[in-house]
Amino acid sequence: MAFQMKDIQFPAVSYDEWKEQAVKALKGQPFQTLFTKTMENVILEPLYTKDMLLNKLDGQLDKQIATIRSSKAAEGIKVAQQIYGDTPAQFFTNLQASMDKGNQIITIDSRVPFKWDDENLTILAKYLTAYPFKLFTESSNDPVLKVFDHISDQEITGYIVSKEPIILDAFNHVRTLSANTVPYHYEDADAIQELALSLALASKHAEHEENFETFINKFFVHFAIDTQFFSEIAKLRAFKVLWKAFTSAYGIDAPVAIPVIAETSLRSYSKLDVYVNLLRAGNETFAALIGGADAITVHPHDCLSKPTDQSIRIARNVSLVLKEESFVEKVLDPAGGSYFIETLTAEYVEKAWNLFLLIEEAGGIDAYTASGQLKTALQEVNERRLHDVKTRKQSMIGTNIYANPVDELPLETNDLFSQIKRLAVPFEDLRISYKKANPKVEILTFGTLKDFKARADFVSGFFAVAGIVPSQSGEMHSIEELKEWVTKTDAEYVVIAAKEEDAKSIVPALLEVKPDSLLMDVAGQYKSEQDEWLAKGLNGFIYNGQDIIEKLTSLIESLKGVQQ
């Protein structure tokens, strides 16, 4: 009889049986090391089971899934690429090309390099009449809003993202009230804070409308999607559950879907190794697609400096390729039923709703902001997020780890995004400082290659973040040889890389002959010896988990003193 894989039956394994095997595999490490605490203070478990999910939702799983699946405002996800251009002619040429090549929603930031005069507004009006649109405006007095004076078709559809509500009574299909959480996102709000703030903004807008139905018809939510893939999927799904709870408070029993508009986050974008931004964008876009966003704007990988025709095309194709080749948008709720995602969604719903109630009890979003509570909460998250990046607990490939030391920072800066609080900025500033100083850095290695390679490689990677390629002394096998090298080197800064037991004898000996002008560190922590070595002239230590920005900033200041 031919072998049939489908006929194979695997025995059911309980959580306790799995845990027993996991503990054995850990070889003495605590089982708790498999648990991860997120930025939202949610504990991620190493394994999720059906029983755990059912216990968490206490019989509400079907209701959660049904709410999410009935809350999709549109079929699939629309491509909403931003249009760029330095001149009106270039801008409108790019706009037409974008729509011809797959863009579905015209996306425009009104802060263009040219004026929105009547001629340009007349041309723009023709496009806004023909296609859906998303406009970013500064205020109700933004010049681009005069485009509606040139439009007679009241059935046009679009979204206006503004810092204040825009009144367009004649255009019932243009949504002008948004819970725009993107500014909070760039102040480092976590997913739960973004969700709570979206409801708080909705509450504020609803209070100022004559009735709730009018509010719903004008309202949409706007999220930035970050690189935390599963978290962002859960965030979008959780919003739909929260929205159902929010509308229920106004007497709406049936689910009322509102558009969920998304854009890729620039919080993790870097000017260093910019093609990694393309990977980040792909990750974020796929999360938006799975999470159920109705439209997505993918920022070009070089948008922080100056996007090119190629990068704009690639960004547009990120959405198109995912839509066409993954077939995910053909599924109403791709993540539905996942033990992990459903549990995370429920966690976000619970925590975000509690935070929303706290904001409402404080008097609403405006009072909560004025009291300083919001600023304090966001600052706490910002400090934790920066700490994780600076200590490399959170990896930013090409920026804080696996950096390309010969990568050049672009000279241009895109004013549209220059004020965004990005995690990579301290590392970019570090590159600039080290490029100006251009210190001569060497790694002093002791023993055979296998003895020092791991530490030498770590040090090289450490300095690659600053754009420095240290040279290495090569194998050395005696303290006398090391002493001679130290007294003759023209390096301004040296890091000793050796086995721990070797370093304990090497370092004191080298400190005796080290020139005063030479800064010397050792790779490793050496807690027992550090006070003694520092007292004898050692500059410091380089080790895993260190605040890389603090260390390299302190070092460059010391090196500047040596160079002077």
Protein backbone atom coordinates (compact mmCIF):
# COMPACT_ATOMS: atom_id res chain seq x y z
CA MET A 1 0.00 0.00 0.00
CA ALA A 2 1.33 3.41 -0.94
CA PHE A 3 2.30 5.75 1.89
CA GLN A 4 -0.33 8.48 2.48
CA MET A 5 0.74 11.42 4.65
CA LYS A 6 -2.89 12.40 5.18
CA ASP A 7 -3.53 9.11 6.94
CA ILE A 8 -0.88 9.74 9.60
CA GLN A 9 -2.28 10.56 13.04
CA PHE A 10 -0.20 12.47 15.60
CA PRO A 11 -0.90 12.07 19.31
CA ALA A 12 -2.37 15.08 21.11
CA VAL A 13 0.12 16.74 23.45
CA SER A 14 -0.99 18.73 26.49
CA TYR A 15 0.51 22.06 27.54
CA ASP A 16 2.05 20.40 30.61
CA GLU A 17 3.73 17.75 28.44
CA TRP A 18 5.09 20.43 26.13
CA LYS A 19 6.29 22.47 29.10
CA GLU A 20 8.13 19.47 30.51
CA GLN A 21 10.08 19.04 27.26
CA ALA A 22 10.74 22.79 27.06
CA VAL A 23 12.19 22.83 30.57
CA LYS A 24 14.52 19.98 29.65
CA ALA A 25 15.66 21.85 26.54
CA LEU A 26 16.43 24.95 28.63
CA LYS A 27 19.09 22.99 30.55
CA GLY A 28 18.64 24.68 33.88
CA GLN A 29 17.42 28.09 32.74
CA PRO A 30 14.09 29.19 34.23
CA PHE A 31 10.97 28.47 32.17
CA GLN A 32 10.08 32.15 32.57
CA THR A 33 12.89 33.08 30.18
CA LEU A 34 10.56 31.98 27.37
CA PHE A 35 8.09 34.73 28.26
CA THR A 36 8.44 38.17 26.64
CA LYS A 37 7.15 41.48 27.99
CA THR A 38 6.09 43.88 25.23
CA MET A 39 6.18 47.66 25.15
CA GLU A 40 2.48 47.52 26.08
CA ASN A 41 3.29 45.53 29.25
CA VAL A 42 1.61 42.48 27.76
CA ILE A 43 3.31 39.18 28.56
CA LEU A 44 3.74 37.01 25.46
CA GLU A 45 3.77 33.31 26.26
CA PRO A 46 5.90 30.75 24.42
CA LEU A 47 2.86 28.69 23.43
CA TYR A 48 -0.84 29.40 23.03
CA THR A 49 -3.51 26.71 23.10
CA LYS A 50 -7.20 26.57 22.34
CA ASP A 51 -8.03 26.13 26.02
CA MET A 52 -5.97 29.19 26.97
CA LEU A 53 -7.80 31.25 24.35
CA LEU A 54 -11.24 30.11 25.44
CA ASN A 55 -10.42 30.81 29.08
CA LYS A 56 -9.13 34.28 28.20
CA LEU A 57 -12.23 35.26 26.25
CA ASP A 58 -14.63 33.46 28.61
CA GLY A 59 -17.07 32.40 25.92
CA GLN A 60 -16.69 35.62 23.89
CA LEU A 61 -14.43 34.27 21.13
CA ASP A 62 -17.18 33.86 18.54
CA LYS A 63 -18.46 37.34 19.33
CA GLN A 64 -14.98 38.85 18.94
CA ILE A 65 -14.42 37.14 15.58
CA ALA A 66 -17.91 38.04 14.32
CA THR A 67 -17.45 41.69 15.30
CA ILE A 68 -14.13 41.93 13.46
CA ARG A 69 -15.48 40.26 10.34
CA SER A 70 -18.54 42.49 10.20
CA SER A 71 -16.52 45.69 10.70
CA LYS A 72 -14.64 45.85 7.40
CA ALA A 73 -15.61 49.07 5.65
CA ALA A 74 -14.43 48.01 2.18
CA GLU A 75 -13.46 44.89 0.31
CA GLY A 76 -9.73 44.28 0.30
CA ILE A 77 -7.23 47.09 0.81
CA LYS A 78 -6.76 50.14 -1.43
CA VAL A 79 -3.37 51.45 -2.48
CA ALA A 80 -3.05 55.08 -1.39
CA GLN A 81 0.37 56.28 -2.51
CA GLN A 82 1.58 59.79 -1.77
CA ILE A 83 2.33 62.01 -4.75
CA TYR A 84 5.63 63.91 -4.94
CA GLY A 85 6.87 66.65 -7.26
CA ASP A 86 9.01 69.77 -7.04
CA THR A 87 7.04 71.70 -9.66
CA PRO A 88 3.36 71.65 -10.67
CA ALA A 89 4.24 69.99 -13.99
CA GLN A 90 6.29 67.27 -12.30
CA PHE A 91 3.68 66.79 -9.59
CA PHE A 92 0.75 66.24 -11.95
CA THR A 93 2.83 64.08 -14.29
CA ASN A 94 3.70 61.88 -11.30
CA LEU A 95 0.08 61.87 -10.18
CA GLN A 96 -1.17 60.62 -13.53
CA ALA A 97 1.57 58.01 -13.77
CA SER A 98 0.79 56.81 -10.26
CA MET A 99 -2.89 56.28 -11.04
CA ASP A 100 -2.07 54.60 -14.35
CA LYS A 101 0.27 52.14 -12.59
CA GLY A 102 -1.96 50.87 -9.81
CA ASN A 103 -2.50 53.63 -7.28
CA GLN A 104 -6.14 53.74 -6.20
CA ILE A 105 -6.37 56.68 -3.79
CA ILE A 106 -4.66 59.98 -4.56
CA THR A 107 -2.69 60.90 -1.45
CA ILE A 108 -1.38 64.45 -1.13
CA ASP A 109 0.37 66.31 1.65
CA SER A 110 -0.55 69.95 1.04
CA ARG A 111 2.98 71.12 1.99
CA VAL A 112 4.29 70.96 -1.57
CA PRO A 113 7.22 73.06 -2.85
CA PHE A 114 4.92 75.12 -5.08
CA LYS A 115 1.83 77.29 -4.53
CA TRP A 116 -1.73 76.03 -4.74
CA ASP A 117 -2.89 78.78 -7.08
CA ASP A 118 -6.09 78.69 -9.13
CA GLU A 119 -4.39 77.06 -12.10
CA ASN A 120 -3.01 74.19 -10.02
CA LEU A 121 -6.25 73.81 -8.06
CA THR A 122 -8.25 73.56 -11.27
CA ILE A 123 -6.07 70.70 -12.47
CA LEU A 124 -6.22 69.02 -9.05
CA ALA A 125 -10.00 69.32 -9.00
CA LYS A 126 -10.26 67.20 -12.15
CA TYR A 127 -8.31 64.41 -10.49
CA LEU A 128 -10.25 64.56 -7.22
CA THR A 129 -13.45 64.31 -9.23
CA ALA A 130 -12.20 61.20 -11.01
CA TYR A 131 -10.51 59.32 -8.15
CA PRO A 132 -10.87 58.81 -4.38
CA PHE A 133 -8.38 60.90 -2.43
CA LYS A 134 -6.68 61.47 0.92
CA LEU A 135 -5.52 65.00 1.72
CA PHE A 136 -3.23 66.00 4.58
CA THR A 137 -3.89 69.61 5.57
CA GLU A 138 -2.52 71.89 8.26
CA SER A 139 -5.76 73.68 9.15
CA SER A 140 -9.14 74.76 7.81
CA ASN A 141 -7.33 77.67 6.09
CA ASP A 142 -5.01 75.43 4.12
CA PRO A 143 -4.78 76.70 0.50
CA VAL A 144 -5.33 73.22 -0.95
CA LEU A 145 -8.86 73.15 0.48
CA LYS A 146 -9.87 75.81 -2.02
CA VAL A 147 -9.87 72.96 -4.54
CA PHE A 148 -13.44 72.24 -3.48
CA ASP A 149 -14.47 75.61 -4.90
CA HIS A 150 -13.58 74.11 -8.29
CA ILE A 151 -15.58 70.90 -7.81
CA SER A 152 -19.29 70.62 -8.59
CA ASP A 153 -19.65 66.85 -8.28
CA GLN A 154 -20.94 66.33 -4.74
CA GLU A 155 -20.56 62.55 -4.99
CA ILE A 156 -16.76 62.63 -4.82
CA THR A 157 -15.23 60.40 -2.16
CA GLY A 158 -12.19 61.00 -0.01
CA TYR A 159 -10.60 61.63 3.36
CA ILE A 160 -9.15 64.80 4.86
CA VAL A 161 -6.60 64.42 7.66
CA SER A 162 -6.23 67.69 9.53
CA LYS A 163 -5.22 69.01 12.91
CA GLU A 164 -8.70 70.45 13.25
CA PRO A 165 -12.12 69.43 11.85
CA ILE A 166 -12.82 70.58 8.29
CA ILE A 167 -16.36 71.61 7.35
CA LEU A 168 -17.47 70.52 3.86
CA ASP A 169 -21.23 70.41 4.09
CA ALA A 170 -21.79 70.02 0.35
CA PHE A 171 -19.71 66.86 0.02
CA ASN A 172 -21.37 64.09 2.01
CA HIS A 173 -18.96 61.39 0.87
CA VAL A 174 -15.81 63.22 1.94
CA ARG A 175 -14.90 62.20 5.49
CA THR A 176 -13.48 65.13 7.42
CA LEU A 177 -13.41 63.91 11.03
CA SER A 178 -10.50 61.65 11.85
CA ALA A 179 -9.08 59.93 14.87
CA ASN A 180 -5.58 60.58 13.61
CA THR A 181 -3.33 58.69 15.99
CA VAL A 182 -0.20 59.14 13.85
CA PRO A 183 1.09 62.21 15.76
CA TYR A 184 0.84 60.22 19.02
CA HIS A 185 2.54 57.28 17.33
CA TYR A 186 5.49 59.53 16.55
CA GLU A 187 5.59 60.58 20.19
CA ASP A 188 6.20 56.85 20.80
CA ALA A 189 2.70 55.84 21.89
CA ASP A 190 2.35 52.08 22.18
CA ALA A 191 -0.43 50.11 20.51
CA ILE A 192 -2.76 50.26 23.51
CA GLN A 193 -2.32 54.00 23.89
CA GLU A 194 -3.04 54.51 20.17
CA LEU A 195 -6.25 52.49 20.47
CA ALA A 196 -7.43 54.37 23.55
CA LEU A 197 -6.59 57.72 21.99
CA SER A 198 -8.49 56.82 18.81
CA LEU A 199 -11.63 56.31 20.91
CA ALA A 200 -10.99 59.48 22.91
CA LEU A 201 -10.72 61.46 19.67
CA ALA A 202 -13.89 59.82 18.39
CA SER A 203 -15.68 60.80 21.60
CA LYS A 204 -14.54 64.39 21.23
CA HIS A 205 -15.75 64.62 17.62
CA ALA A 206 -19.06 62.91 18.41
CA GLU A 207 -19.85 65.47 21.10
CA HIS A 208 -19.64 68.32 18.60
CA GLU A 209 -21.90 66.78 15.95
CA GLU A 210 -25.65 67.30 15.86
CA ASN A 211 -26.30 63.56 15.96
CA PHE A 212 -24.31 60.33 16.09
CA GLU A 213 -25.29 59.22 12.58
CA THR A 214 -23.87 62.43 11.11
CA PHE A 215 -20.67 61.84 13.05
CA ILE A 216 -20.31 58.26 11.80
CA ASN A 217 -20.73 59.33 8.18
CA LYS A 218 -17.91 61.86 8.51
CA PHE A 219 -15.53 59.81 10.67
CA PHE A 220 -12.53 57.57 9.97
CA VAL A 221 -9.48 56.39 11.89
CA HIS A 222 -5.86 56.83 10.81
CA PHE A 223 -3.08 54.58 12.12
CA ALA A 224 0.65 54.27 11.51
CA ILE A 225 1.74 50.62 11.27
CA ASP A 226 5.04 49.79 12.94
CA THR A 227 7.41 46.84 12.53
CA GLN A 228 6.03 44.81 15.45
CA PHE A 229 4.19 42.51 13.06
CA PHE A 230 1.79 40.59 15.31
CA SER A 231 1.21 43.56 17.57
CA GLU A 232 0.11 45.71 14.64
CA ILE A 233 -2.24 43.01 13.33
CA ALA A 234 -3.80 42.77 16.78
CA LYS A 235 -4.02 46.57 17.02
CA LEU A 236 -6.14 46.88 13.89
CA ARG A 237 -8.35 43.96 14.86
CA ALA A 238 -8.75 45.29 18.41
CA PHE A 239 -9.90 48.67 17.12
CA LYS A 240 -12.87 47.04 15.43
CA VAL A 241 -13.95 45.36 18.66
CA LEU A 242 -13.46 48.62 20.56
CA TRP A 243 -15.40 50.54 17.92
CA LYS A 244 -18.33 48.17 18.35
CA ALA A 245 -18.25 48.79 22.12
CA PHE A 246 -17.98 52.53 21.53
CA THR A 247 -20.98 52.69 19.19
CA SER A 248 -23.00 50.48 21.52
CA ALA A 249 -22.69 53.20 24.15
CA TYR A 250 -24.58 55.46 21.72
CA GLY A 251 -27.35 52.94 21.24
CA ILE A 252 -26.04 51.38 18.03
CA ASP A 253 -26.52 47.61 18.30
CA ALA A 254 -25.54 46.47 14.80
CA PRO A 255 -21.85 46.80 13.83
CA VAL A 256 -21.15 49.99 11.86
CA ALA A 257 -17.94 49.77 9.87
CA ILE A 258 -15.83 52.88 9.45
CA PRO A 259 -12.76 53.21 7.23
CA VAL A 260 -9.45 52.23 8.80
CA ILE A 261 -6.75 54.14 6.94
CA ALA A 262 -3.12 53.21 7.51
CA GLU A 263 0.39 54.25 6.54
CA THR A 264 3.75 52.63 7.11
CA SER A 265 5.49 54.02 10.16
CA LEU A 266 8.63 56.11 9.83
CA ARG A 267 9.45 55.66 13.50
CA SER A 268 11.79 52.80 12.65
CA TYR A 269 12.99 54.20 9.32
CA SER A 270 16.64 55.17 9.15
CA LYS A 271 18.85 57.20 6.84
CA LEU A 272 21.43 54.47 7.35
CA ASP A 273 21.29 51.44 5.06
CA VAL A 274 18.06 52.79 3.56
CA TYR A 275 17.14 49.62 1.68
CA VAL A 276 16.37 48.04 5.04
CA ASN A 277 13.50 50.55 5.17
CA LEU A 278 12.05 48.66 2.23
CA LEU A 279 11.97 45.48 4.35
CA ARG A 280 10.34 47.42 7.18
CA ALA A 281 7.74 48.78 4.78
CA GLY A 282 6.95 45.30 3.50
CA ASN A 283 6.55 43.99 7.05
CA GLU A 284 4.27 46.89 8.01
CA THR A 285 2.17 46.71 4.86
CA PHE A 286 1.58 42.99 5.26
CA ALA A 287 0.51 43.56 8.86
CA ALA A 288 -1.96 46.20 7.69
CA LEU A 289 -3.28 43.83 5.04
CA ILE A 290 -3.77 40.95 7.49
CA GLY A 291 -5.12 43.26 10.21
CA GLY A 292 -7.90 44.52 7.96
CA ALA A 293 -6.95 48.08 7.00
CA ASP A 294 -9.03 49.58 4.20
CA ALA A 295 -6.24 51.66 2.65
CA ILE A 296 -2.46 51.80 3.01
CA THR A 297 0.17 54.40 2.15
CA VAL A 298 3.67 52.92 1.82
CA HIS A 299 6.41 55.49 2.32
CA PRO A 300 9.41 55.13 -0.05
CA HIS A 301 12.54 53.73 1.56
CA ASP A 302 14.44 57.00 0.95
CA CYS A 303 11.60 59.38 1.82
CA LEU A 304 13.59 60.83 4.74
CA SER A 305 15.97 62.46 2.25
CA LYS A 306 14.45 62.72 -1.23
CA PRO A 307 12.38 59.99 -2.85
CA THR A 308 13.21 59.13 -6.43
CA ASP A 309 11.01 57.85 -9.24
CA GLN A 310 12.42 54.38 -8.58
CA SER A 311 11.79 54.40 -4.82
CA ILE A 312 8.26 55.74 -5.32
CA ARG A 313 7.57 52.97 -7.82
CA ILE A 314 8.97 50.34 -5.46
CA ALA A 315 6.84 51.65 -2.59
CA ARG A 316 3.71 51.47 -4.71
CA ASN A 317 4.58 47.96 -5.80
CA VAL A 318 4.97 46.78 -2.20
CA SER A 319 1.20 47.02 -1.82
CA LEU A 320 0.45 45.74 -5.29
CA VAL A 321 2.68 42.68 -5.00
CA LEU A 322 1.32 41.75 -1.57
CA LYS A 323 -2.25 42.19 -2.79
CA GLU A 324 -1.78 40.23 -5.98
CA GLU A 325 0.55 37.46 -4.85
CA SER A 326 -0.42 36.72 -1.25
CA PHE A 327 -4.19 36.54 -1.91
CA VAL A 328 -4.61 37.64 1.70
CA GLU A 329 -7.15 40.29 0.82
CA LYS A 330 -9.36 37.55 -0.60
CA VAL A 331 -9.83 36.34 2.99
CA LEU A 332 -12.09 38.42 5.22
CA ASP A 333 -10.07 37.94 8.42
CA PRO A 334 -6.81 36.06 7.74
CA ALA A 335 -5.71 36.09 11.39
CA GLY A 336 -9.09 34.97 12.71
CA GLY A 337 -8.93 31.92 14.94
CA SER A 338 -5.20 32.15 15.63
CA TYR A 339 -4.77 31.31 19.30
CA PHE A 340 -1.97 33.87 19.64
CA ILE A 341 -3.53 36.71 17.62
CA GLU A 342 -6.99 36.30 19.13
CA THR A 343 -5.52 36.32 22.64
CA LEU A 344 -3.39 39.38 21.89
CA THR A 345 -6.40 41.13 20.33
CA ALA A 346 -8.45 40.47 23.48
CA GLU A 347 -5.59 41.77 25.67
CA TYR A 348 -5.44 44.98 23.66
CA VAL A 349 -9.20 45.44 23.77
CA GLU A 350 -9.30 45.10 27.54
CA LYS A 351 -6.34 47.36 28.28
CA ALA A 352 -7.24 50.01 25.67
CA TRP A 353 -10.85 50.23 26.86
CA ASN A 354 -9.70 50.75 30.45
CA LEU A 355 -7.32 53.50 29.35
CA PHE A 356 -10.06 55.14 27.28
CA LEU A 357 -12.34 55.20 30.33
CA LEU A 358 -9.52 56.75 32.35
CA ILE A 359 -9.13 59.50 29.71
CA GLU A 360 -12.88 60.14 29.73
CA GLU A 361 -12.93 60.31 33.53
CA ALA A 362 -10.17 62.92 33.31
CA GLY A 363 -12.50 65.08 31.22
CA GLY A 364 -11.74 63.82 27.72
CA ILE A 365 -8.75 63.99 25.43
CA ASP A 366 -8.26 67.76 25.69
CA ALA A 367 -8.34 67.78 29.50
CA TYR A 368 -6.16 64.68 29.67
CA THR A 369 -3.61 66.40 27.43
CA ALA A 370 -3.75 69.73 29.28
CA SER A 371 -3.18 68.00 32.62
CA GLY A 372 0.15 66.64 31.42
CA GLN A 373 -0.89 63.02 31.96
CA LEU A 374 -0.67 62.18 28.28
CA LYS A 375 2.78 63.72 27.91
CA THR A 376 4.02 61.81 30.95
CA ALA A 377 2.61 58.52 29.69
CA LEU A 378 4.12 58.96 26.24
CA GLN A 379 7.48 60.02 27.68
CA GLU A 380 7.65 56.84 29.75
CA VAL A 381 7.14 54.71 26.65
CA ASN A 382 9.62 56.81 24.69
CA GLU A 383 12.32 56.27 27.32
CA ARG A 384 11.72 52.50 27.38
CA ARG A 385 11.70 52.29 23.60
CA LEU A 386 14.92 54.30 23.24
CA HIS A 387 16.58 52.24 25.98
CA ASP A 388 15.75 49.02 24.13
CA VAL A 389 17.22 50.40 20.90
CA LYS A 390 20.31 51.89 22.52
CA THR A 391 21.08 48.65 24.36
CA ARG A 392 20.22 46.62 21.25
CA LYS A 393 17.49 44.74 23.06
CA GLN A 394 15.45 45.82 20.05
CA SER A 395 17.33 45.39 16.79
CA MET A 396 17.33 47.98 14.02
CA ILE A 397 19.17 46.17 11.26
CA GLY A 398 21.71 48.39 9.53
CA THR A 399 21.50 51.00 12.25
CA ASN A 400 22.19 49.63 15.75
CA ILE A 401 23.29 46.16 14.63
CA TYR A 402 24.80 44.72 11.44
CA ALA A 403 25.58 48.27 10.41
CA ASN A 404 27.46 49.06 7.22
CA PRO A 405 30.38 51.21 8.43
CA VAL A 406 31.09 52.70 5.00
CA ASP A 407 27.47 53.76 4.43
CA GLU A 408 27.17 57.50 3.79
CA LEU A 409 24.37 59.57 5.29
CA PRO A 410 22.42 61.43 2.59
CA LEU A 411 22.92 65.17 2.57
CA GLU A 412 19.30 66.05 1.76
CA THR A 413 16.47 66.10 4.29
CA ASN A 414 12.80 65.87 3.41
CA ASP A 415 11.08 68.68 5.32
CA LEU A 416 7.81 66.74 5.36
CA PHE A 417 9.29 64.18 7.74
CA SER A 418 12.16 66.07 9.37
CA GLN A 419 10.31 66.63 12.67
CA ILE A 420 9.33 62.99 13.20
CA LYS A 421 10.77 61.50 16.37
CA ARG A 422 12.64 58.52 14.92
CA LEU A 423 14.55 55.89 16.87
CA ALA A 424 17.50 56.02 14.48
CA VAL A 425 18.29 59.72 14.97
CA PRO A 426 20.83 59.22 17.82
CA PHE A 427 22.72 56.73 15.66
CA GLU A 428 22.70 59.06 12.66
CA ASP A 429 24.05 61.87 14.84
CA LEU A 430 26.74 59.50 16.09
CA ARG A 431 27.85 58.80 12.52
CA ILE A 432 28.22 62.51 11.88
CA SER A 433 30.34 63.03 15.02
CA TYR A 434 32.67 60.12 14.27
CA LYS A 435 33.07 61.12 10.64
CA LYS A 436 34.24 64.58 11.70
CA ALA A 437 36.67 63.23 14.30
CA ASN A 438 37.80 60.23 12.20
CA PRO A 439 39.66 58.57 15.11
CA LYS A 440 42.18 55.78 14.57
CA VAL A 441 40.77 52.74 16.37
CA GLU A 442 42.50 49.38 16.77
CA ILE A 443 41.65 46.06 18.36
CA LEU A 444 44.53 44.48 20.28
CA THR A 445 44.05 40.72 20.09
CA PHE A 446 45.74 38.11 22.28
CA GLY A 447 46.05 34.37 21.69
CA THR A 448 45.00 32.36 18.67
CA LEU A 449 42.12 33.37 16.41
CA LYS A 450 39.63 31.12 18.17
CA ASP A 451 40.53 32.76 21.49
CA PHE A 452 39.69 36.32 20.52
CA LYS A 453 37.54 36.17 17.37
CA ALA A 454 34.13 36.36 19.08
CA ARG A 455 35.09 39.43 21.09
CA ALA A 456 36.94 41.09 18.23
CA ASP A 457 33.95 40.61 15.96
CA PHE A 458 31.67 42.07 18.63
CA VAL A 459 33.89 45.15 18.94
CA SER A 460 34.00 45.57 15.15
CA GLY A 461 30.21 45.43 15.02
CA PHE A 462 30.00 47.86 17.92
CA PHE A 463 32.08 50.45 16.06
CA ALA A 464 30.42 49.79 12.71
CA VAL A 465 27.39 51.54 14.23
CA ALA A 466 29.50 54.72 14.34
CA GLY A 467 30.90 54.20 10.84
CA ILE A 468 34.33 53.10 12.08
CA VAL A 469 36.27 50.10 10.77
CA PRO A 470 38.87 49.21 13.45
CA SER A 471 42.08 47.58 12.38
CA GLN A 472 43.36 44.51 14.28
CA SER A 473 46.81 43.75 15.60
CA GLY A 474 46.69 40.07 14.68
CA GLU A 475 47.65 37.16 16.94
CA MET A 476 49.93 37.98 19.84
CA HIS A 477 51.12 35.38 22.33
CA SER A 478 53.10 37.12 25.06
CA ILE A 479 52.66 40.08 27.36
CA GLU A 480 56.02 41.49 26.25
CA GLU A 481 54.82 41.46 22.66
CA LEU A 482 51.64 43.28 23.72
CA LYS A 483 53.59 45.88 25.69
CA GLU A 484 55.82 46.65 22.74
CA TRP A 485 52.79 47.05 20.47
CA VAL A 486 51.07 49.42 22.91
CA THR A 487 54.12 51.68 23.24
CA LYS A 488 54.57 51.94 19.46
CA THR A 489 51.01 52.13 18.11
CA ASP A 490 49.80 55.33 16.48
CA ALA A 491 46.21 54.49 17.36
CA GLU A 492 44.26 56.97 19.46
CA TYR A 493 42.05 54.29 20.96
CA VAL A 494 42.58 50.57 21.57
CA VAL A 495 40.23 47.79 22.66
CA ILE A 496 41.73 44.62 24.14
CA ALA A 497 40.07 41.41 22.92
CA ALA A 498 41.10 38.26 24.74
CA LYS A 499 39.72 35.35 26.74
CA GLU A 500 38.49 36.46 30.16
CA GLU A 501 41.19 34.62 32.10
CA ASP A 502 43.90 36.07 29.82
CA ALA A 503 42.56 39.61 30.07
CA LYS A 504 42.84 39.57 33.85
CA SER A 505 46.61 39.35 33.57
CA ILE A 506 47.03 41.33 30.33
CA VAL A 507 45.15 44.50 31.27
CA PRO A 508 47.12 45.41 34.46
CA ALA A 509 50.40 44.82 32.63
CA LEU A 510 49.43 47.02 29.68
CA LEU A 511 48.15 49.82 31.92
CA GLU A 512 51.68 50.11 33.35
CA VAL A 513 53.18 51.01 29.96
CA LYS A 514 50.23 52.65 28.20
CA PRO A 515 51.01 56.20 26.99
CA ASP A 516 48.86 58.85 28.66
CA SER A 517 47.52 59.94 25.27
CA LEU A 518 46.21 56.47 24.42
CA LEU A 519 42.64 55.59 25.39
CA MET A 520 42.25 51.91 26.21
CA ASP A 521 39.16 49.76 26.74
CA VAL A 522 38.67 46.05 27.20
CA ALA A 523 36.00 43.86 25.62
CA GLY A 524 33.95 42.41 28.45
CA GLN A 525 32.41 43.57 31.72
CA TYR A 526 34.81 42.37 34.47
CA LYS A 527 32.75 43.65 37.40
CA SER A 528 35.21 42.46 40.04
CA GLU A 529 38.21 44.16 38.43
CA GLN A 530 36.64 47.29 36.97
CA ASP A 531 37.27 49.71 39.87
CA GLU A 532 40.92 48.74 40.11
CA TRP A 533 41.51 48.94 36.37
CA LEU A 534 39.74 52.27 36.01
CA ALA A 535 41.83 53.70 38.84
CA LYS A 536 45.00 52.61 37.01
CA GLY A 537 44.05 54.35 33.77
CA LEU A 538 41.68 52.09 31.84
CA ASN A 539 39.14 54.13 29.93
CA GLY A 540 36.32 51.61 30.23
CA PHE A 541 34.61 48.50 28.87
CA ILE A 542 32.66 47.34 25.84
CA TYR A 543 30.10 44.61 26.42
CA ASN A 544 26.77 43.21 25.30
CA GLY A 545 23.72 45.03 26.65
CA GLN A 546 25.60 48.30 27.06
CA ASP A 547 23.97 51.61 26.10
CA ILE A 548 25.79 51.96 22.79
CA ILE A 549 24.90 55.62 22.32
CA GLU A 550 26.07 56.59 25.79
CA LYS A 551 29.31 54.65 25.40
CA LEU A 552 30.22 55.91 21.93
CA THR A 553 29.22 59.50 22.73
CA SER A 554 31.38 59.49 25.84
CA LEU A 555 34.23 57.97 23.86
CA ILE A 556 34.13 60.52 21.04
CA GLU A 557 34.25 63.36 23.56
CA SER A 558 37.33 61.80 25.15
CA LEU A 559 38.92 61.27 21.73
CA LYS A 560 38.34 64.90 20.81
CA GLY A 561 40.30 65.83 23.93
CA VAL A 562 43.13 63.50 22.92
CA GLN A 563 43.21 64.88 19.37
CA GLN A 564 43.47 68.45 20.64
